Structure formats: C-alpha cells, structure tokens
Amino acid sequence: MTRAAVVMGGSAGSLGVFDAVLGALPEDYALLLVLHLPADDAGSFALHLAQVSRLPVVEPCDKQRIEGRHVYTAPANYHMLVERGGHVALSVDERVNWSRPSIDVLFESAAGAWGRELVAVILSGANADGAMGLLAVKAAGGHTLAQDPAGAASPLMPLAAIKVGAVDEILSPEGIALRLIELANG
C-alpha cells in the first residue's frame, strides 16, 4: 500500500535524526514535522531542514493545502493540525504536554485525515508528547515507528510511546529512513 504522508515528531536530541531521515528519504511523501521549539523561534528549523532536504521545506500558513513531495514544519508557538481534505490548520490552543507545537495534536489530527495511509514516527525527546498521538495513528490503521531509545539522546519520548503499546517498529535513525523507503515502495 502506498502511504499518503509521514508525520514525525521530536524534541531534545532529535534535530540530527531529522537531518539523517530527511537526507535519505525518497520524494514520494508529504512530510509534516513537529520539533519542540522556543516560542520566539523565527523559522530557523525550516531554514535548517531546507539545507538537508531534497524536497521543498515550508513553514505553512493556516489553511494551506498539503502537497506531496513537500516538507511542512510546525511554526513556533502554533499547533499544526491536518484537516480532512488535506489542509493545514494552525492553532494557538493550550499547550499539550507543555508544548506548542505539540506532536500529539499533529498525530491525532493526521490519523483522522489519513488513517491507514499514514506513517507516524516519534524521535528523541524529554517528555511523553507523541505517545497518545501514535496510539491514535495505530488505532486508525496507520503504521508507527519509534527511534530506538537505546540510541536516543533523550529516550523518554520513544519510551513513553513503547510503554503504551503505540509502536509497531523500533528502529535506529538509519533504520527509520530505510523503513520509510520500503513503505513508499509498497
């Protein structure tokens, strides 16, 4: 089965993993990424990723249409959601797991929009954000991956997802990139 999109989330220690995965990915996906950012970040995450990605990297506007072969990064201090019909929604609702943007918010909304056509990936981080979102993706029939906590700079985020039973596969950063390529090829 071809996958429509990949959602990835991370926090402390995950920037290098985002780089490694994006640098190896095929150009078949729409990718939506959340990194816990300081509220005053001025797009530096998107600018950084643009240097390592072969795909265009976009910090989206509210109601922007999601296109395949693009990378979308949640802007600082906004939750990024996926609306049915394939548009981004940005929200300044309350923080979730002390975070805005929240990984759970993105993953849960993407699960509702794409269901079985979604792959969700949780990376290194120092809280439980993403665990409930991965559970929603799994319940919707999507495929879930977690960075191996043994190699994560901050293992709490992948461990939380594993603990609640939300993870289909536990992989190294290189393994995540290879698995996403396999899933893209059906």
N, C-alpha and C. Protein backbone atom coordinates (compact mmCIF):
# COMPACT_ATOMS: atom_id res chain seq x y z
N MET A 1 0.84 -1.18 0.00
CA MET A 1 0.00 0.00 0.00
C MET A 1 0.88 1.25 0.00
N THR A 2 0.57 2.18 -0.84
CA THR A 2 1.29 3.45 -0.86
C THR A 2 0.80 4.30 0.30
N ARG A 3 1.70 4.96 0.94
CA ARG A 3 1.37 5.83 2.06
C ARG A 3 1.23 7.26 1.57
N ALA A 4 0.24 7.99 2.13
CA ALA A 4 -0.01 9.37 1.70
C ALA A 4 0.93 10.36 2.36
N ALA A 5 1.26 10.10 3.63
CA ALA A 5 2.01 11.10 4.37
C ALA A 5 2.78 10.45 5.51
N VAL A 6 3.79 11.18 5.95
CA VAL A 6 4.56 10.82 7.14
C VAL A 6 4.50 12.00 8.08
N VAL A 7 4.20 11.72 9.35
CA VAL A 7 4.28 12.73 10.39
C VAL A 7 5.40 12.29 11.32
N MET A 8 6.23 13.25 11.71
CA MET A 8 7.35 12.96 12.61
C MET A 8 7.38 14.01 13.69
N GLY A 9 7.73 13.56 14.90
CA GLY A 9 7.86 14.49 16.00
C GLY A 9 9.05 14.18 16.86
N GLY A 10 9.66 15.22 17.37
CA GLY A 10 10.80 15.05 18.25
C GLY A 10 11.03 16.29 19.08
N SER A 11 11.95 16.13 20.02
CA SER A 11 12.30 17.23 20.91
C SER A 11 13.80 17.16 21.17
N ALA A 12 14.19 17.19 22.41
CA ALA A 12 15.60 17.21 22.77
C ALA A 12 16.36 16.06 22.11
N GLY A 13 17.41 16.40 21.37
CA GLY A 13 18.26 15.40 20.75
C GLY A 13 17.79 14.87 19.42
N SER A 14 16.74 15.44 18.85
CA SER A 14 16.20 14.86 17.61
C SER A 14 16.59 15.61 16.34
N LEU A 15 17.19 16.77 16.43
CA LEU A 15 17.50 17.54 15.22
C LEU A 15 18.39 16.75 14.26
N GLY A 16 19.42 16.11 14.76
CA GLY A 16 20.29 15.31 13.90
C GLY A 16 19.57 14.13 13.27
N VAL A 17 18.58 13.59 13.98
CA VAL A 17 17.80 12.47 13.42
C VAL A 17 16.91 12.97 12.29
N PHE A 18 16.27 14.12 12.48
CA PHE A 18 15.50 14.71 11.38
C PHE A 18 16.40 14.85 10.15
N ASP A 19 17.61 15.36 10.35
CA ASP A 19 18.56 15.55 9.23
C ASP A 19 18.84 14.23 8.53
N ALA A 20 19.15 13.19 9.31
CA ALA A 20 19.52 11.90 8.73
C ALA A 20 18.35 11.28 7.96
N VAL A 21 17.17 11.37 8.51
CA VAL A 21 16.00 10.77 7.86
C VAL A 21 15.64 11.55 6.60
N LEU A 22 15.60 12.88 6.68
CA LEU A 22 15.23 13.68 5.50
C LEU A 22 16.24 13.54 4.38
N GLY A 23 17.50 13.43 4.72
CA GLY A 23 18.53 13.30 3.71
C GLY A 23 18.45 12.00 2.93
N ALA A 24 17.81 10.97 3.50
CA ALA A 24 17.74 9.66 2.88
C ALA A 24 16.39 9.33 2.25
N LEU A 25 15.39 10.15 2.50
CA LEU A 25 14.04 9.79 2.07
C LEU A 25 13.82 9.94 0.57
N PRO A 26 12.94 9.09 0.04
CA PRO A 26 12.51 9.30 -1.34
C PRO A 26 11.59 10.51 -1.40
N GLU A 27 11.26 10.92 -2.58
CA GLU A 27 10.46 12.13 -2.75
C GLU A 27 8.97 11.83 -2.91
N ASP A 28 8.53 10.70 -2.37
CA ASP A 28 7.15 10.29 -2.59
C ASP A 28 6.14 10.82 -1.57
N TYR A 29 6.60 11.27 -0.45
CA TYR A 29 5.72 11.61 0.66
C TYR A 29 5.46 13.10 0.79
N ALA A 30 4.36 13.41 1.45
CA ALA A 30 4.21 14.69 2.13
C ALA A 30 4.68 14.42 3.55
N LEU A 31 5.57 15.24 4.06
CA LEU A 31 6.08 15.08 5.42
C LEU A 31 5.67 16.27 6.26
N LEU A 32 5.14 15.98 7.45
CA LEU A 32 4.76 17.03 8.39
C LEU A 32 5.54 16.79 9.67
N LEU A 33 6.28 17.81 10.11
CA LEU A 33 7.21 17.63 11.20
C LEU A 33 6.94 18.61 12.34
N VAL A 34 7.07 18.09 13.56
CA VAL A 34 7.00 18.92 14.75
C VAL A 34 8.28 18.74 15.54
N LEU A 35 8.92 19.85 15.84
CA LEU A 35 10.04 19.89 16.77
C LEU A 35 9.64 20.88 17.85
N HIS A 36 9.82 20.49 19.11
CA HIS A 36 9.53 21.45 20.18
C HIS A 36 10.50 22.61 20.05
N LEU A 37 9.94 23.78 19.78
CA LEU A 37 10.73 24.98 19.52
C LEU A 37 10.46 26.05 20.57
N PRO A 38 11.43 26.92 20.82
CA PRO A 38 11.14 28.07 21.68
C PRO A 38 10.10 28.96 21.00
N ALA A 39 9.27 29.61 21.80
CA ALA A 39 8.18 30.43 21.26
C ALA A 39 8.67 31.54 20.33
N ASP A 40 9.89 31.99 20.51
CA ASP A 40 10.38 33.10 19.68
C ASP A 40 11.20 32.62 18.48
N ASP A 41 11.19 31.33 18.18
CA ASP A 41 11.91 30.84 17.00
C ASP A 41 11.33 31.50 15.76
N ALA A 42 12.18 31.94 14.88
CA ALA A 42 11.72 32.68 13.69
C ALA A 42 11.92 31.87 12.41
N GLY A 43 11.58 30.60 12.44
CA GLY A 43 11.67 29.78 11.24
C GLY A 43 13.01 29.11 11.04
N SER A 44 13.86 29.09 12.05
CA SER A 44 15.19 28.51 11.87
C SER A 44 15.16 27.00 11.62
N PHE A 45 14.17 26.29 12.19
CA PHE A 45 14.06 24.85 11.95
C PHE A 45 13.81 24.59 10.46
N ALA A 46 12.87 25.29 9.87
CA ALA A 46 12.58 25.13 8.44
C ALA A 46 13.78 25.52 7.59
N LEU A 47 14.43 26.59 7.93
CA LEU A 47 15.62 27.02 7.17
C LEU A 47 16.73 25.97 7.26
N HIS A 48 16.92 25.40 8.44
CA HIS A 48 17.93 24.36 8.61
C HIS A 48 17.60 23.14 7.76
N LEU A 49 16.35 22.68 7.83
CA LEU A 49 15.96 21.48 7.07
C LEU A 49 16.07 21.69 5.57
N ALA A 50 15.83 22.91 5.12
CA ALA A 50 15.95 23.21 3.69
C ALA A 50 17.35 22.94 3.17
N GLN A 51 18.34 22.97 4.05
CA GLN A 51 19.72 22.71 3.65
C GLN A 51 20.02 21.22 3.50
N VAL A 52 19.21 20.34 4.12
CA VAL A 52 19.48 18.90 4.06
C VAL A 52 18.45 18.12 3.26
N SER A 53 17.34 18.74 2.93
CA SER A 53 16.25 18.04 2.24
C SER A 53 16.29 18.30 0.74
N ARG A 54 16.01 17.26 -0.03
CA ARG A 54 15.84 17.44 -1.47
C ARG A 54 14.48 18.00 -1.80
N LEU A 55 13.56 17.91 -0.84
CA LEU A 55 12.20 18.41 -1.03
C LEU A 55 12.08 19.85 -0.57
N PRO A 56 11.15 20.60 -1.12
CA PRO A 56 10.91 21.95 -0.62
C PRO A 56 10.43 21.89 0.83
N VAL A 57 10.95 22.76 1.68
CA VAL A 57 10.56 22.83 3.08
C VAL A 57 9.74 24.08 3.30
N VAL A 58 8.57 23.91 3.91
CA VAL A 58 7.61 25.00 4.05
C VAL A 58 7.21 25.13 5.52
N GLU A 59 7.23 26.34 6.03
CA GLU A 59 6.58 26.63 7.31
C GLU A 59 5.20 27.16 6.91
N PRO A 60 4.15 26.34 7.03
CA PRO A 60 2.88 26.66 6.38
C PRO A 60 2.08 27.77 7.05
N CYS A 61 1.17 28.32 6.26
CA CYS A 61 0.17 29.27 6.73
C CYS A 61 -1.10 28.48 7.04
N ASP A 62 -1.96 29.06 7.83
CA ASP A 62 -3.25 28.44 8.13
C ASP A 62 -4.04 28.22 6.84
N LYS A 63 -4.61 27.05 6.71
CA LYS A 63 -5.44 26.62 5.57
C LYS A 63 -4.64 26.34 4.30
N GLN A 64 -3.33 26.28 4.40
CA GLN A 64 -2.50 25.94 3.23
C GLN A 64 -2.74 24.49 2.84
N ARG A 65 -2.85 24.24 1.55
CA ARG A 65 -3.05 22.89 1.03
C ARG A 65 -1.76 22.09 1.18
N ILE A 66 -1.89 20.85 1.64
CA ILE A 66 -0.74 19.96 1.78
C ILE A 66 -0.52 19.25 0.46
N GLU A 67 0.70 19.34 -0.05
CA GLU A 67 1.05 18.72 -1.32
C GLU A 67 2.07 17.62 -1.08
N GLY A 68 2.00 16.56 -1.89
CA GLY A 68 3.02 15.54 -1.85
C GLY A 68 4.36 16.15 -2.23
N ARG A 69 5.42 15.46 -1.85
CA ARG A 69 6.77 15.90 -2.20
C ARG A 69 7.15 17.25 -1.59
N HIS A 70 6.59 17.54 -0.42
CA HIS A 70 6.92 18.74 0.34
C HIS A 70 7.10 18.37 1.81
N VAL A 71 7.89 19.16 2.51
CA VAL A 71 8.08 19.02 3.95
C VAL A 71 7.46 20.24 4.62
N TYR A 72 6.59 19.99 5.61
CA TYR A 72 5.92 21.06 6.34
C TYR A 72 6.39 21.01 7.79
N THR A 73 6.81 22.14 8.32
CA THR A 73 7.27 22.21 9.70
C THR A 73 6.33 23.09 10.51
N ALA A 74 5.97 22.63 11.70
CA ALA A 74 5.09 23.42 12.56
C ALA A 74 5.81 24.70 12.98
N PRO A 75 5.17 25.84 12.81
CA PRO A 75 5.78 27.09 13.26
C PRO A 75 5.86 27.14 14.79
N ALA A 76 6.83 27.86 15.30
CA ALA A 76 6.95 28.03 16.74
C ALA A 76 5.67 28.64 17.31
N ASN A 77 5.27 28.12 18.46
CA ASN A 77 4.13 28.62 19.23
C ASN A 77 2.77 28.39 18.56
N TYR A 78 2.72 27.47 17.58
CA TYR A 78 1.45 27.08 16.95
C TYR A 78 1.36 25.56 16.91
N HIS A 79 0.18 25.04 17.23
CA HIS A 79 -0.09 23.64 16.94
C HIS A 79 -0.36 23.54 15.44
N MET A 80 0.15 22.49 14.80
CA MET A 80 -0.13 22.24 13.39
C MET A 80 -1.03 21.01 13.32
N LEU A 81 -2.17 21.17 12.68
CA LEU A 81 -3.14 20.10 12.52
C LEU A 81 -3.37 19.82 11.04
N VAL A 82 -3.91 18.64 10.76
CA VAL A 82 -4.29 18.28 9.40
C VAL A 82 -5.81 18.21 9.37
N GLU A 83 -6.41 18.96 8.46
CA GLU A 83 -7.86 18.91 8.28
C GLU A 83 -8.21 17.90 7.20
N ARG A 84 -9.37 17.28 7.35
CA ARG A 84 -9.84 16.39 6.28
C ARG A 84 -9.89 17.22 5.00
N GLY A 85 -9.47 16.62 3.91
CA GLY A 85 -9.36 17.37 2.67
C GLY A 85 -7.95 17.84 2.40
N GLY A 86 -7.05 17.63 3.39
CA GLY A 86 -5.64 17.88 3.13
C GLY A 86 -5.15 19.30 3.26
N HIS A 87 -5.63 20.01 4.26
CA HIS A 87 -5.15 21.36 4.53
C HIS A 87 -4.54 21.42 5.94
N VAL A 88 -3.60 22.35 6.11
CA VAL A 88 -3.01 22.61 7.42
C VAL A 88 -3.93 23.57 8.17
N ALA A 89 -4.09 23.31 9.45
CA ALA A 89 -4.73 24.27 10.35
C ALA A 89 -3.71 24.61 11.43
N LEU A 90 -3.59 25.89 11.73
CA LEU A 90 -2.70 26.33 12.80
C LEU A 90 -3.55 26.83 13.97
N SER A 91 -3.10 26.50 15.17
CA SER A 91 -3.89 26.81 16.36
C SER A 91 -2.98 27.32 17.47
N VAL A 92 -3.51 28.22 18.26
CA VAL A 92 -2.82 28.68 19.46
C VAL A 92 -3.55 28.19 20.71
N ASP A 93 -4.25 27.06 20.59
CA ASP A 93 -4.90 26.45 21.76
C ASP A 93 -3.86 26.15 22.83
N GLU A 94 -4.35 25.78 23.99
CA GLU A 94 -3.47 25.49 25.13
C GLU A 94 -2.36 24.52 24.76
N ARG A 95 -1.26 24.61 25.47
CA ARG A 95 -0.14 23.69 25.31
C ARG A 95 -0.59 22.27 25.66
N VAL A 96 -0.03 21.30 24.99
CA VAL A 96 -0.26 19.89 25.28
C VAL A 96 1.08 19.31 25.65
N ASN A 97 1.15 18.63 26.79
CA ASN A 97 2.43 18.13 27.30
C ASN A 97 3.46 19.27 27.36
N TRP A 98 3.02 20.43 27.83
CA TRP A 98 3.88 21.61 27.99
C TRP A 98 4.41 22.15 26.66
N SER A 99 3.83 21.73 25.56
CA SER A 99 4.39 22.08 24.25
C SER A 99 3.35 22.67 23.31
N ARG A 100 3.79 23.66 22.57
CA ARG A 100 3.06 24.21 21.43
C ARG A 100 4.12 24.69 20.46
N PRO A 101 4.40 23.93 19.41
CA PRO A 101 3.57 22.88 18.82
C PRO A 101 3.67 21.56 19.59
N SER A 102 2.58 20.82 19.51
CA SER A 102 2.50 19.50 20.15
C SER A 102 2.51 18.41 19.09
N ILE A 103 3.27 17.37 19.38
CA ILE A 103 3.32 16.20 18.50
C ILE A 103 1.98 15.47 18.53
N ASP A 104 1.41 15.30 19.73
CA ASP A 104 0.12 14.60 19.84
C ASP A 104 -0.94 15.26 18.98
N VAL A 105 -1.00 16.59 19.00
CA VAL A 105 -2.02 17.32 18.23
C VAL A 105 -1.87 17.01 16.73
N LEU A 106 -0.65 17.07 16.22
CA LEU A 106 -0.44 16.76 14.81
C LEU A 106 -0.80 15.31 14.51
N PHE A 107 -0.28 14.37 15.29
CA PHE A 107 -0.50 12.96 15.01
C PHE A 107 -1.99 12.60 15.05
N GLU A 108 -2.71 13.09 16.07
CA GLU A 108 -4.13 12.75 16.20
C GLU A 108 -4.94 13.30 15.03
N SER A 109 -4.67 14.53 14.62
CA SER A 109 -5.42 15.11 13.50
C SER A 109 -5.06 14.41 12.19
N ALA A 110 -3.79 14.05 12.00
CA ALA A 110 -3.38 13.34 10.78
C ALA A 110 -3.99 11.95 10.72
N ALA A 111 -4.12 11.29 11.87
CA ALA A 111 -4.76 9.97 11.91
C ALA A 111 -6.20 10.07 11.43
N GLY A 112 -6.90 11.13 11.84
CA GLY A 112 -8.27 11.33 11.40
C GLY A 112 -8.38 11.65 9.93
N ALA A 113 -7.39 12.32 9.39
CA ALA A 113 -7.42 12.70 7.97
C ALA A 113 -6.98 11.59 7.04
N TRP A 114 -5.94 10.82 7.43
CA TRP A 114 -5.34 9.86 6.50
C TRP A 114 -5.48 8.40 6.90
N GLY A 115 -5.77 8.11 8.17
CA GLY A 115 -5.98 6.72 8.60
C GLY A 115 -4.88 5.77 8.20
N ARG A 116 -5.24 4.76 7.42
CA ARG A 116 -4.31 3.69 7.03
C ARG A 116 -3.18 4.18 6.11
N GLU A 117 -3.33 5.32 5.52
CA GLU A 117 -2.31 5.84 4.60
C GLU A 117 -1.23 6.67 5.30
N LEU A 118 -1.20 6.63 6.63
CA LEU A 118 -0.30 7.47 7.41
C LEU A 118 0.79 6.64 8.08
N VAL A 119 1.99 7.19 8.10
CA VAL A 119 3.10 6.65 8.89
C VAL A 119 3.46 7.73 9.89
N ALA A 120 3.60 7.34 11.17
CA ALA A 120 3.96 8.29 12.22
C ALA A 120 5.25 7.82 12.88
N VAL A 121 6.13 8.78 13.15
CA VAL A 121 7.45 8.48 13.70
C VAL A 121 7.71 9.37 14.91
N ILE A 122 8.09 8.75 16.04
CA ILE A 122 8.46 9.51 17.23
C ILE A 122 9.97 9.38 17.45
N LEU A 123 10.59 10.52 17.72
CA LEU A 123 12.04 10.57 17.88
C LEU A 123 12.41 10.95 19.31
N SER A 124 13.67 11.16 19.52
CA SER A 124 14.22 11.54 20.82
C SER A 124 13.49 12.74 21.41
N GLY A 125 13.29 12.69 22.73
CA GLY A 125 12.66 13.81 23.41
C GLY A 125 12.53 13.54 24.90
N ALA A 126 12.28 14.60 25.66
CA ALA A 126 12.35 14.50 27.12
C ALA A 126 10.99 14.56 27.81
N ASN A 127 9.88 14.31 27.08
CA ASN A 127 8.59 14.17 27.74
C ASN A 127 7.77 13.13 27.00
N ALA A 128 6.49 13.02 27.31
CA ALA A 128 5.65 11.97 26.72
C ALA A 128 4.87 12.43 25.50
N ASP A 129 5.13 13.63 25.01
CA ASP A 129 4.41 14.12 23.83
C ASP A 129 4.62 13.15 22.67
N GLY A 130 3.55 12.80 22.00
CA GLY A 130 3.62 11.89 20.86
C GLY A 130 3.08 10.50 21.15
N ALA A 131 3.10 10.06 22.40
CA ALA A 131 2.65 8.71 22.72
C ALA A 131 1.16 8.51 22.41
N MET A 132 0.32 9.44 22.85
CA MET A 132 -1.12 9.31 22.60
C MET A 132 -1.43 9.52 21.12
N GLY A 133 -0.67 10.38 20.47
CA GLY A 133 -0.85 10.59 19.03
C GLY A 133 -0.50 9.34 18.24
N LEU A 134 0.59 8.67 18.62
CA LEU A 134 0.94 7.40 17.95
C LEU A 134 -0.16 6.37 18.16
N LEU A 135 -0.71 6.34 19.36
CA LEU A 135 -1.81 5.40 19.64
C LEU A 135 -2.99 5.68 18.72
N ALA A 136 -3.30 6.95 18.47
CA ALA A 136 -4.39 7.31 17.57
C ALA A 136 -4.09 6.87 16.14
N VAL A 137 -2.84 7.03 15.70
CA VAL A 137 -2.45 6.61 14.35
C VAL A 137 -2.59 5.09 14.22
N LYS A 138 -2.13 4.37 15.23
CA LYS A 138 -2.23 2.91 15.20
C LYS A 138 -3.69 2.46 15.19
N ALA A 139 -4.54 3.11 16.01
CA ALA A 139 -5.96 2.76 16.05
C ALA A 139 -6.65 3.04 14.72
N ALA A 140 -6.17 4.03 13.97
CA ALA A 140 -6.74 4.37 12.66
C ALA A 140 -6.20 3.49 11.54
N GLY A 141 -5.30 2.56 11.87
CA GLY A 141 -4.75 1.65 10.87
C GLY A 141 -3.45 2.10 10.26
N GLY A 142 -2.89 3.22 10.73
CA GLY A 142 -1.61 3.69 10.23
C GLY A 142 -0.46 2.88 10.80
N HIS A 143 0.73 3.18 10.34
CA HIS A 143 1.93 2.45 10.77
C HIS A 143 2.77 3.37 11.65
N THR A 144 3.30 2.82 12.76
CA THR A 144 4.02 3.65 13.72
C THR A 144 5.44 3.15 13.94
N LEU A 145 6.35 4.11 14.01
CA LEU A 145 7.77 3.83 14.22
C LEU A 145 8.28 4.68 15.38
N ALA A 146 9.26 4.14 16.10
CA ALA A 146 9.91 4.90 17.16
C ALA A 146 11.41 4.75 17.03
N GLN A 147 12.10 5.83 17.33
CA GLN A 147 13.55 5.76 17.42
C GLN A 147 13.90 4.84 18.60
N ASP A 148 14.89 4.00 18.41
CA ASP A 148 15.35 3.11 19.47
C ASP A 148 15.81 3.96 20.65
N PRO A 149 15.16 3.80 21.83
CA PRO A 149 15.55 4.60 22.98
C PRO A 149 17.02 4.42 23.37
N ALA A 150 17.58 3.26 23.10
CA ALA A 150 18.98 3.00 23.46
C ALA A 150 19.94 3.95 22.74
N GLY A 151 19.57 4.44 21.58
CA GLY A 151 20.42 5.34 20.83
C GLY A 151 19.95 6.78 20.84
N ALA A 152 18.87 7.07 21.58
CA ALA A 152 18.31 8.42 21.61
C ALA A 152 19.02 9.28 22.65
N ALA A 153 19.27 10.53 22.31
CA ALA A 153 19.89 11.45 23.26
C ALA A 153 18.99 11.65 24.48
N SER A 154 17.68 11.69 24.27
CA SER A 154 16.68 11.78 25.34
C SER A 154 15.64 10.69 25.08
N PRO A 155 15.72 9.57 25.76
CA PRO A 155 14.89 8.42 25.44
C PRO A 155 13.45 8.46 25.95
N LEU A 156 13.06 9.46 26.73
CA LEU A 156 11.73 9.45 27.35
C LEU A 156 10.59 9.41 26.35
N MET A 157 10.71 10.16 25.26
CA MET A 157 9.62 10.23 24.29
C MET A 157 9.36 8.88 23.61
N PRO A 158 10.38 8.23 23.04
CA PRO A 158 10.11 6.92 22.46
C PRO A 158 9.71 5.89 23.52
N LEU A 159 10.29 5.96 24.72
CA LEU A 159 9.92 5.01 25.78
C LEU A 159 8.45 5.15 26.17
N ALA A 160 7.94 6.38 26.24
CA ALA A 160 6.53 6.60 26.58
C ALA A 160 5.62 5.97 25.54
N ALA A 161 5.98 6.10 24.27
CA ALA A 161 5.17 5.52 23.20
C ALA A 161 5.22 4.00 23.23
N ILE A 162 6.38 3.45 23.51
CA ILE A 162 6.53 1.99 23.60
C ILE A 162 5.71 1.47 24.78
N LYS A 163 5.77 2.17 25.90
CA LYS A 163 5.08 1.74 27.13
C LYS A 163 3.58 1.64 26.93
N VAL A 164 2.97 2.53 26.16
CA VAL A 164 1.52 2.48 25.95
C VAL A 164 1.12 1.55 24.81
N GLY A 165 2.09 0.88 24.19
CA GLY A 165 1.78 -0.07 23.12
C GLY A 165 1.46 0.57 21.79
N ALA A 166 2.02 1.77 21.53
CA ALA A 166 1.68 2.51 20.32
C ALA A 166 2.64 2.29 19.16
N VAL A 167 3.69 1.48 19.37
CA VAL A 167 4.77 1.40 18.38
C VAL A 167 4.77 0.06 17.66
N ASP A 168 4.74 0.12 16.32
CA ASP A 168 4.85 -1.10 15.51
C ASP A 168 6.29 -1.55 15.36
N GLU A 169 7.22 -0.59 15.20
CA GLU A 169 8.62 -0.93 14.99
C GLU A 169 9.52 0.05 15.73
N ILE A 170 10.60 -0.48 16.31
CA ILE A 170 11.60 0.32 17.00
C ILE A 170 12.88 0.22 16.17
N LEU A 171 13.37 1.38 15.71
CA LEU A 171 14.48 1.38 14.75
C LEU A 171 15.50 2.46 15.07
N SER A 172 16.71 2.28 14.56
CA SER A 172 17.74 3.32 14.61
C SER A 172 17.33 4.42 13.61
N PRO A 173 17.96 5.60 13.69
CA PRO A 173 17.66 6.63 12.68
C PRO A 173 17.84 6.12 11.25
N GLU A 174 18.92 5.38 11.00
CA GLU A 174 19.14 4.83 9.66
C GLU A 174 18.05 3.82 9.30
N GLY A 175 17.64 3.03 10.29
CA GLY A 175 16.56 2.06 10.07
C GLY A 175 15.23 2.74 9.77
N ILE A 176 14.98 3.88 10.42
CA ILE A 176 13.75 4.63 10.15
C ILE A 176 13.74 5.07 8.68
N ALA A 177 14.84 5.64 8.22
CA ALA A 177 14.91 6.10 6.83
C ALA A 177 14.71 4.94 5.86
N LEU A 178 15.37 3.80 6.12
CA LEU A 178 15.22 2.64 5.23
C LEU A 178 13.79 2.12 5.24
N ARG A 179 13.16 2.09 6.42
CA ARG A 179 11.79 1.57 6.51
C ARG A 179 10.82 2.49 5.77
N LEU A 180 11.03 3.80 5.87
CA LEU A 180 10.16 4.73 5.15
C LEU A 180 10.31 4.57 3.64
N ILE A 181 11.52 4.27 3.18
CA ILE A 181 11.72 4.00 1.76
C ILE A 181 10.97 2.74 1.37
N GLU A 182 11.06 1.69 2.18
CA GLU A 182 10.32 0.44 1.90
C GLU A 182 8.83 0.70 1.85
N LEU A 183 8.30 1.46 2.80
CA LEU A 183 6.87 1.74 2.83
C LEU A 183 6.44 2.58 1.63
N ALA A 184 7.30 3.47 1.18
CA ALA A 184 6.99 4.28 -0.01
C ALA A 184 6.89 3.42 -1.25
N ASN A 185 7.69 2.36 -1.27
CA ASN A 185 7.69 1.47 -2.44
C ASN A 185 6.62 0.39 -2.38
N GLY A 186 5.82 0.42 -1.31
CA GLY A 186 4.70 -0.52 -1.18
C GLY A 186 5.14 -1.87 -0.73
